[in-house]
C-alpha cells in the first residue's frame, strides 16, 4: 500500500501541479493585463514583480508532492509524506487514493 501511495502522490503532484500552475498563471496574467490597462507605463514592472509569485505559488504543490512521494517510498518522515499526499489532492483521481493508502499504511513508517 505504501509503494502505491508514493507513486500516486508523485503522479498526482505532477498532473495536479501542472494544472495548478496553469490556473495560477492565467489568474496572474489577467491581473497584470487589468493593471496594465489602468497604467500602461508600468506594465513591464508589474510582470517582473508578479513572475516570482507565479513560480512560488505554482510550483510549491509540485515540489511538496514529489518530496512527499519520495519520503513515502523511503518510509521516512510520515508528516512530510502526508503533506505531499495532501498537495497531490490538486488532481483528485490520484490524490484521494494516495491519502487513504498513506493513512492506512502509517504503521510502516
N, C-alpha and C. Protein backbone atom coordinates (compact mmCIF):
# COMPACT_ATOMS: atom_id res chain seq x y z
N UNK A 1 0.81 -1.19 0.00
CA UNK A 1 0.00 0.00 0.00
C UNK A 1 0.86 1.26 0.00
N UNK A 2 1.98 1.19 0.71
CA UNK A 2 2.84 2.36 0.82
C UNK A 2 3.46 2.72 -0.53
N UNK A 3 3.89 1.73 -1.27
CA UNK A 3 4.51 2.00 -2.57
C UNK A 3 3.48 2.59 -3.53
N UNK A 4 2.27 2.06 -3.51
CA UNK A 4 1.21 2.60 -4.36
C UNK A 4 0.89 4.03 -3.97
N UNK A 5 0.85 4.30 -2.67
CA UNK A 5 0.58 5.67 -2.20
C UNK A 5 1.68 6.62 -2.66
N UNK A 6 2.92 6.20 -2.60
CA UNK A 6 4.03 7.05 -3.04
C UNK A 6 3.97 7.35 -4.52
N UNK A 7 3.68 6.33 -5.32
CA UNK A 7 3.61 6.54 -6.76
C UNK A 7 2.43 7.43 -7.12
N UNK A 8 1.28 7.19 -6.49
CA UNK A 8 0.10 8.03 -6.75
C UNK A 8 0.34 9.47 -6.31
N UNK A 9 1.08 9.65 -5.23
CA UNK A 9 1.38 11.01 -4.77
C UNK A 9 2.23 11.74 -5.80
N UNK A 10 3.24 11.08 -6.32
CA UNK A 10 4.11 11.72 -7.31
C UNK A 10 3.35 12.01 -8.60
N UNK A 11 2.57 11.05 -9.09
CA UNK A 11 1.81 11.27 -10.32
C UNK A 11 0.78 12.38 -10.13
N UNK A 12 0.06 12.32 -9.02
CA UNK A 12 -0.93 13.36 -8.75
C UNK A 12 -0.30 14.72 -8.58
N UNK A 13 0.89 14.76 -8.02
CA UNK A 13 1.59 16.03 -7.87
C UNK A 13 1.98 16.65 -9.19
N UNK A 14 2.48 15.81 -10.10
CA UNK A 14 2.86 16.34 -11.41
C UNK A 14 1.65 16.80 -12.22
N UNK A 15 0.61 15.98 -12.25
CA UNK A 15 -0.57 16.34 -13.04
C UNK A 15 -1.31 17.51 -12.40
N UNK A 16 -1.60 17.39 -11.11
CA UNK A 16 -2.31 18.47 -10.43
C UNK A 16 -1.50 19.74 -10.34
N UNK A 17 -0.20 19.60 -10.17
CA UNK A 17 0.67 20.77 -10.11
C UNK A 17 0.73 21.50 -11.44
N UNK A 18 0.74 20.76 -12.53
CA UNK A 18 0.75 21.43 -13.83
C UNK A 18 -0.58 22.14 -14.08
N UNK A 19 -1.68 21.53 -13.65
CA UNK A 19 -2.97 22.21 -13.78
C UNK A 19 -3.01 23.45 -12.90
N UNK A 20 -2.52 23.32 -11.67
CA UNK A 20 -2.49 24.46 -10.74
C UNK A 20 -1.60 25.57 -11.27
N UNK A 21 -0.47 25.21 -11.86
CA UNK A 21 0.43 26.21 -12.43
C UNK A 21 -0.25 26.96 -13.57
N UNK A 22 -0.99 26.25 -14.40
CA UNK A 22 -1.70 26.90 -15.50
C UNK A 22 -2.78 27.85 -14.97
N UNK A 23 -3.54 27.42 -13.97
CA UNK A 23 -4.58 28.27 -13.38
C UNK A 23 -3.96 29.51 -12.76
N UNK A 24 -2.90 29.34 -12.01
CA UNK A 24 -2.23 30.46 -11.36
C UNK A 24 -1.68 31.44 -12.39
N UNK A 25 -1.09 30.91 -13.44
CA UNK A 25 -0.53 31.76 -14.48
C UNK A 25 -1.62 32.58 -15.16
N UNK A 26 -2.74 31.96 -15.45
CA UNK A 26 -3.84 32.68 -16.09
C UNK A 26 -4.40 33.77 -15.19
N UNK A 27 -4.58 33.46 -13.90
CA UNK A 27 -5.12 34.46 -12.99
C UNK A 27 -4.20 35.66 -12.85
N UNK A 28 -2.92 35.40 -12.70
CA UNK A 28 -1.98 36.50 -12.50
C UNK A 28 -1.77 37.27 -13.80
N UNK A 29 -1.82 36.57 -14.94
CA UNK A 29 -1.70 37.26 -16.21
C UNK A 29 -2.89 38.19 -16.43
N UNK A 30 -4.08 37.72 -16.10
CA UNK A 30 -5.26 38.58 -16.23
C UNK A 30 -5.18 39.77 -15.28
N UNK A 31 -4.64 39.55 -14.09
CA UNK A 31 -4.45 40.66 -13.15
C UNK A 31 -3.47 41.67 -13.73
N UNK A 32 -2.39 41.18 -14.33
CA UNK A 32 -1.40 42.09 -14.91
C UNK A 32 -1.98 42.86 -16.09
N UNK A 33 -2.81 42.20 -16.89
CA UNK A 33 -3.44 42.90 -18.02
C UNK A 33 -4.37 44.00 -17.51
N UNK A 34 -5.11 43.69 -16.46
CA UNK A 34 -6.02 44.69 -15.90
C UNK A 34 -5.23 45.87 -15.35
N UNK A 35 -4.13 45.58 -14.67
CA UNK A 35 -3.30 46.64 -14.12
C UNK A 35 -2.64 47.44 -15.23
N UNK A 36 -2.23 46.76 -16.30
CA UNK A 36 -1.59 47.45 -17.42
C UNK A 36 -2.57 48.35 -18.16
N UNK A 37 -3.84 47.98 -18.17
CA UNK A 37 -4.85 48.82 -18.80
C UNK A 37 -5.01 50.12 -18.02
N UNK A 38 -4.92 50.02 -16.71
CA UNK A 38 -5.06 51.22 -15.88
C UNK A 38 -3.82 52.11 -15.98
N UNK A 39 -2.62 51.50 -16.07
CA UNK A 39 -1.38 52.28 -16.13
C UNK A 39 -0.41 51.58 -17.10
N UNK A 40 -0.49 51.87 -18.38
CA UNK A 40 0.33 51.16 -19.38
C UNK A 40 1.84 51.32 -19.18
N UNK A 41 2.28 52.39 -18.55
CA UNK A 41 3.72 52.62 -18.40
C UNK A 41 4.37 51.62 -17.45
N UNK A 42 3.62 51.12 -16.51
CA UNK A 42 4.21 50.23 -15.51
C UNK A 42 3.88 48.77 -15.74
N UNK A 43 3.47 48.39 -16.94
CA UNK A 43 3.08 47.01 -17.22
C UNK A 43 4.27 46.06 -17.11
N UNK A 44 5.44 46.44 -17.60
CA UNK A 44 6.59 45.55 -17.53
C UNK A 44 7.09 45.38 -16.10
N UNK A 45 7.02 46.44 -15.30
CA UNK A 45 7.45 46.31 -13.91
C UNK A 45 6.50 45.43 -13.12
N UNK A 46 5.23 45.46 -13.46
CA UNK A 46 4.26 44.57 -12.80
C UNK A 46 4.57 43.12 -13.15
N UNK A 47 4.91 42.86 -14.40
CA UNK A 47 5.25 41.50 -14.81
C UNK A 47 6.49 40.99 -14.09
N UNK A 48 7.46 41.85 -13.88
CA UNK A 48 8.68 41.45 -13.18
C UNK A 48 8.40 41.15 -11.71
N UNK A 49 7.52 41.92 -11.10
CA UNK A 49 7.19 41.71 -9.70
C UNK A 49 6.32 40.48 -9.52
N UNK A 50 5.43 40.21 -10.45
CA UNK A 50 4.48 39.11 -10.31
C UNK A 50 5.09 37.76 -10.68
N UNK A 51 6.07 37.71 -11.55
CA UNK A 51 6.66 36.45 -12.01
C UNK A 51 7.15 35.54 -10.88
N UNK A 52 7.83 36.04 -9.85
CA UNK A 52 8.23 35.14 -8.76
C UNK A 52 7.04 34.53 -8.02
N UNK A 53 5.95 35.27 -7.94
CA UNK A 53 4.77 34.73 -7.27
C UNK A 53 4.15 33.59 -8.07
N UNK A 54 4.20 33.70 -9.38
CA UNK A 54 3.71 32.62 -10.23
C UNK A 54 4.53 31.36 -9.97
N UNK A 55 5.82 31.52 -9.92
CA UNK A 55 6.70 30.38 -9.70
C UNK A 55 6.50 29.80 -8.30
N UNK A 56 6.45 30.66 -7.29
CA UNK A 56 6.32 30.20 -5.91
C UNK A 56 4.98 29.52 -5.66
N UNK A 57 3.90 30.16 -6.04
CA UNK A 57 2.57 29.61 -5.80
C UNK A 57 2.30 28.42 -6.71
N UNK A 58 2.80 28.48 -7.92
CA UNK A 58 2.52 27.42 -8.89
C UNK A 58 3.31 26.15 -8.69
N UNK A 59 4.56 26.27 -8.30
CA UNK A 59 5.41 25.09 -8.20
C UNK A 59 5.51 24.49 -6.79
N UNK A 60 5.03 25.18 -5.79
CA UNK A 60 5.10 24.64 -4.42
C UNK A 60 4.37 23.32 -4.26
N UNK A 61 3.12 23.17 -4.77
CA UNK A 61 2.46 21.87 -4.63
C UNK A 61 3.18 20.74 -5.36
N UNK A 62 3.77 21.05 -6.51
CA UNK A 62 4.52 20.02 -7.24
C UNK A 62 5.72 19.56 -6.42
N UNK A 63 6.46 20.53 -5.89
CA UNK A 63 7.64 20.19 -5.10
C UNK A 63 7.26 19.39 -3.86
N UNK A 64 6.24 19.83 -3.15
CA UNK A 64 5.85 19.13 -1.92
C UNK A 64 5.32 17.73 -2.21
N UNK A 65 4.58 17.55 -3.29
CA UNK A 65 4.05 16.23 -3.57
C UNK A 65 5.15 15.26 -4.02
N UNK A 66 6.10 15.74 -4.78
CA UNK A 66 7.23 14.86 -5.17
C UNK A 66 8.08 14.52 -3.94
N UNK A 67 8.30 15.50 -3.10
CA UNK A 67 9.05 15.24 -1.86
C UNK A 67 8.29 14.27 -0.97
N UNK A 68 6.98 14.46 -0.84
CA UNK A 68 6.17 13.54 -0.04
C UNK A 68 6.14 12.14 -0.61
N UNK A 69 6.06 12.03 -1.95
CA UNK A 69 6.10 10.71 -2.58
C UNK A 69 7.44 10.03 -2.37
N UNK A 70 8.52 10.78 -2.42
CA UNK A 70 9.85 10.23 -2.16
C UNK A 70 9.95 9.72 -0.73
N UNK A 71 9.49 10.53 0.23
CA UNK A 71 9.53 10.10 1.62
C UNK A 71 8.62 8.91 1.87
N UNK A 72 7.52 8.82 1.15
CA UNK A 72 6.64 7.67 1.28
C UNK A 72 7.34 6.40 0.80
N UNK A 73 8.02 6.50 -0.32
CA UNK A 73 8.73 5.33 -0.85
C UNK A 73 9.91 4.92 0.03
N UNK A 74 10.53 5.89 0.69
CA UNK A 74 11.68 5.60 1.55
C UNK A 74 11.29 5.28 3.00
N UNK A 75 10.00 5.38 3.33
CA UNK A 75 9.48 5.15 4.69
C UNK A 75 10.09 6.09 5.71
N UNK A 76 10.21 7.35 5.37
CA UNK A 76 10.75 8.34 6.28
C UNK A 76 9.79 9.50 6.39
N UNK A 77 9.83 10.18 7.49
CA UNK A 77 9.10 11.44 7.70
C UNK A 77 7.63 11.35 7.27
N UNK A 78 6.82 10.68 8.08
CA UNK A 78 5.42 10.46 7.73
C UNK A 78 4.67 11.77 7.54
N UNK A 79 5.00 12.78 8.31
CA UNK A 79 4.29 14.06 8.19
C UNK A 79 4.57 14.73 6.85
N UNK A 80 5.81 14.65 6.38
CA UNK A 80 6.12 15.21 5.06
C UNK A 80 5.44 14.40 3.97
N UNK A 81 5.37 13.08 4.16
CA UNK A 81 4.67 12.23 3.20
C UNK A 81 3.19 12.58 3.15
N UNK A 82 2.60 12.85 4.30
CA UNK A 82 1.19 13.24 4.34
C UNK A 82 0.99 14.61 3.69
N UNK A 83 1.92 15.53 3.93
CA UNK A 83 1.82 16.85 3.29
C UNK A 83 1.90 16.72 1.77
N UNK A 84 2.75 15.85 1.28
CA UNK A 84 2.83 15.62 -0.16
C UNK A 84 1.57 14.99 -0.72
N UNK A 85 0.99 14.06 0.04
CA UNK A 85 -0.25 13.44 -0.41
C UNK A 85 -1.39 14.46 -0.44
N UNK A 86 -1.40 15.36 0.52
CA UNK A 86 -2.43 16.40 0.54
C UNK A 86 -2.24 17.34 -0.65
N UNK A 87 -0.99 17.65 -0.98
CA UNK A 87 -0.75 18.50 -2.16
C UNK A 87 -1.12 17.79 -3.45
N UNK A 88 -1.06 16.48 -3.46
CA UNK A 88 -1.45 15.76 -4.67
C UNK A 88 -2.96 15.72 -4.83
N UNK A 89 -3.70 16.23 -3.86
CA UNK A 89 -5.16 16.33 -3.99
C UNK A 89 -5.59 17.34 -5.05
N UNK A 90 -4.65 18.11 -5.58
CA UNK A 90 -4.98 19.01 -6.68
C UNK A 90 -5.48 18.22 -7.89
N UNK A 91 -5.06 16.98 -8.01
CA UNK A 91 -5.61 16.07 -9.01
C UNK A 91 -6.29 14.94 -8.24
N UNK A 92 -7.58 15.06 -7.96
CA UNK A 92 -8.24 14.17 -7.01
C UNK A 92 -8.30 12.70 -7.41
N UNK A 93 -8.15 12.39 -8.70
CA UNK A 93 -8.23 10.99 -9.11
C UNK A 93 -7.07 10.16 -8.56
N UNK A 94 -5.95 10.77 -8.35
CA UNK A 94 -4.83 10.06 -7.73
C UNK A 94 -4.59 10.53 -6.30
N UNK A 95 -4.99 11.74 -5.97
CA UNK A 95 -4.72 12.29 -4.65
C UNK A 95 -5.53 11.64 -3.55
N UNK A 96 -6.81 11.41 -3.78
CA UNK A 96 -7.67 10.81 -2.75
C UNK A 96 -7.21 9.39 -2.41
N UNK A 97 -6.97 8.51 -3.41
CA UNK A 97 -6.45 7.18 -3.04
C UNK A 97 -5.09 7.25 -2.37
N UNK A 98 -4.25 8.21 -2.76
CA UNK A 98 -2.93 8.33 -2.14
C UNK A 98 -3.05 8.67 -0.66
N UNK A 99 -3.94 9.59 -0.33
CA UNK A 99 -4.12 9.97 1.07
C UNK A 99 -4.68 8.79 1.87
N UNK A 100 -5.66 8.11 1.32
CA UNK A 100 -6.26 6.97 2.03
C UNK A 100 -5.24 5.87 2.26
N UNK A 101 -4.49 5.52 1.22
CA UNK A 101 -3.48 4.46 1.36
C UNK A 101 -2.36 4.87 2.30
N UNK A 102 -2.00 6.13 2.29
CA UNK A 102 -0.93 6.60 3.18
C UNK A 102 -1.37 6.55 4.64
N UNK A 103 -2.59 6.95 4.90
CA UNK A 103 -3.08 6.91 6.28
C UNK A 103 -3.20 5.46 6.76
N UNK A 104 -3.63 4.56 5.89
CA UNK A 104 -3.73 3.15 6.27
C UNK A 104 -2.36 2.52 6.53
N UNK A 105 -1.34 3.00 5.84
CA UNK A 105 -0.01 2.41 5.97
C UNK A 105 0.89 3.20 6.91
N UNK A 106 0.33 3.96 7.83
CA UNK A 106 1.14 4.76 8.76
C UNK A 106 2.05 3.88 9.61
N UNK A 107 1.61 2.68 9.93
CA UNK A 107 2.41 1.79 10.76
C UNK A 107 3.71 1.33 10.11
N UNK A 108 3.82 1.44 8.82
CA UNK A 108 5.04 1.02 8.11
C UNK A 108 6.18 2.03 8.24
N UNK A 109 5.89 3.23 8.75
CA UNK A 109 6.92 4.27 8.85
C UNK A 109 7.69 4.12 10.14
